[in-house]
Protein backbone atom coordinates (compact mmCIF):
# COMPACT_ATOMS: atom_id res chain seq x y z
CA UNK A 1 56.86 29.32 -5.85
CA UNK A 2 57.34 28.51 -9.71
CA UNK A 3 59.87 25.77 -10.70
CA UNK A 4 61.36 27.15 -14.11
CA UNK A 5 63.34 25.18 -16.63
CA UNK A 6 64.27 26.66 -20.04
CA UNK A 7 66.93 25.69 -22.89
CA UNK A 8 69.39 27.39 -24.82
CA UNK A 9 72.47 26.43 -27.01
CA UNK A 10 76.03 26.97 -26.50
CA UNK A 11 78.11 27.11 -29.58
CA UNK A 12 80.41 23.60 -29.66
CA UNK A 13 83.63 25.15 -30.08
CA UNK A 14 82.91 27.52 -26.85
CA UNK A 15 81.87 24.89 -24.56
CA UNK A 16 85.22 24.52 -22.37
CA UNK A 17 85.18 28.72 -21.94
CA UNK A 18 81.94 28.69 -21.04
CA UNK A 19 82.05 26.10 -18.22
CA UNK A 20 85.20 27.90 -17.32
CA UNK A 21 83.24 31.37 -17.36
CA UNK A 22 80.52 29.96 -14.73
CA UNK A 23 83.65 28.59 -12.54
CA UNK A 24 83.96 32.35 -11.65
CA UNK A 25 80.42 33.89 -11.89
CA UNK A 26 81.25 37.53 -10.87
CA UNK A 27 80.06 37.84 -7.09
CA UNK A 28 77.69 41.15 -7.96
CA UNK A 29 75.91 39.38 -10.65
CA UNK A 30 75.35 36.47 -8.00
CA UNK A 31 74.47 39.08 -5.47
CA UNK A 32 71.82 40.82 -8.26
CA UNK A 33 70.54 37.63 -8.91
CA UNK A 34 69.43 36.76 -5.25
CA UNK A 35 68.62 40.41 -4.94
CA UNK A 36 65.70 39.76 -7.96
CA UNK A 37 64.64 36.72 -6.60
CA UNK A 38 66.49 33.88 -8.48
CA UNK A 39 66.73 30.72 -5.95
CA UNK A 40 67.93 26.92 -6.37
CA UNK A 41 69.53 28.37 -9.91
CA UNK A 42 71.50 25.70 -11.92
CA UNK A 43 72.55 25.25 -15.54
CA UNK A 44 73.64 21.91 -16.92
CA UNK A 45 75.43 21.49 -20.18
CA UNK A 46 75.61 18.52 -22.58
CA UNK A 47 78.59 17.72 -24.84
CA UNK A 48 76.63 18.91 -27.87
CA UNK A 49 75.82 22.43 -26.56
CA UNK A 50 72.40 21.67 -25.01
CA UNK A 51 72.10 23.94 -21.99
CA UNK A 52 69.42 23.40 -19.81
CA UNK A 53 68.48 25.68 -17.02
CA UNK A 54 66.47 25.65 -13.75
CA UNK A 55 65.58 27.87 -11.14
CA UNK A 56 63.11 28.65 -8.21
CA UNK A 57 61.22 31.79 -7.97
CA UNK A 58 58.42 33.32 -6.71
CA UNK A 59 57.64 35.22 -9.96
CA UNK A 60 59.59 34.70 -13.23
CA UNK A 61 58.80 37.77 -15.22
CA UNK A 62 59.32 39.65 -12.20
CA UNK A 63 62.83 38.03 -11.75
CA UNK A 64 63.47 38.38 -15.33
CA UNK A 65 62.61 42.36 -15.33
CA UNK A 66 64.64 42.80 -11.84
CA UNK A 67 67.61 41.43 -13.59
CA UNK A 68 67.42 43.25 -16.99
CA UNK A 69 67.27 46.66 -14.79
CA UNK A 70 70.62 45.60 -13.39
CA UNK A 71 73.87 47.13 -14.71
CA UNK A 72 75.54 43.99 -13.81
CA UNK A 73 73.54 42.16 -16.08
CA UNK A 74 73.59 43.87 -19.23
CA UNK A 75 77.66 43.21 -18.53
CA UNK A 76 77.54 39.96 -18.42
CA UNK A 77 74.73 39.39 -21.07
CA UNK A 78 77.13 40.96 -23.33
CA UNK A 79 80.47 39.24 -22.72
CA UNK A 80 78.41 36.11 -23.10
CA UNK A 81 76.17 36.37 -26.07
CA UNK A 82 79.02 35.17 -28.39
CA UNK A 83 78.86 31.61 -26.86
CA UNK A 84 75.23 31.27 -27.85
CA UNK A 85 73.77 29.90 -31.06
CA UNK A 86 71.13 32.27 -32.31
CA UNK A 87 69.55 33.75 -35.12
CA UNK A 88 68.52 37.04 -33.66
CA UNK A 89 70.32 39.53 -31.79
CA UNK A 90 68.18 38.74 -28.56
CA UNK A 91 70.47 38.61 -25.42
CA UNK A 92 70.57 35.39 -23.92
CA UNK A 93 68.35 35.89 -21.03
CA UNK A 94 65.52 37.62 -23.63
CA UNK A 95 65.65 34.29 -25.18
CA UNK A 96 64.96 32.05 -21.93
CA UNK A 97 61.61 30.43 -22.62
CA UNK A 98 60.03 28.09 -19.75
CA UNK A 99 59.21 24.93 -20.86
CA UNK A 100 56.05 23.45 -19.71
CA UNK A 101 55.87 20.88 -16.60
CA UNK A 102 54.28 17.57 -17.45
CA UNK A 103 55.43 16.37 -13.93
CA UNK A 104 56.62 16.58 -10.69
CA UNK A 105 57.26 14.32 -7.64
CA UNK A 106 57.15 16.51 -4.64
């Protein structure tokens, strides 16, 4: 099992709406995440827009690929892209780069 942590940057002027959207994640998106191996998935958002994501999965690359192949993920990523500060055209899920784990207390 892999523990994955990643950071993204949400635009400060979009924080409230970003939080609101995540209170009502589409049921088909939740089902797709579960089906493709995303477990114990959490997002944390700081007031300056720093977004920390955490999940557990058997294989992160496979979990990303599985979601990338779903229609619901394409819709979700398209809807969520304007919330992020990015300098390129990559979708938010394509920008998830795992941080190296330096300590874990089991």
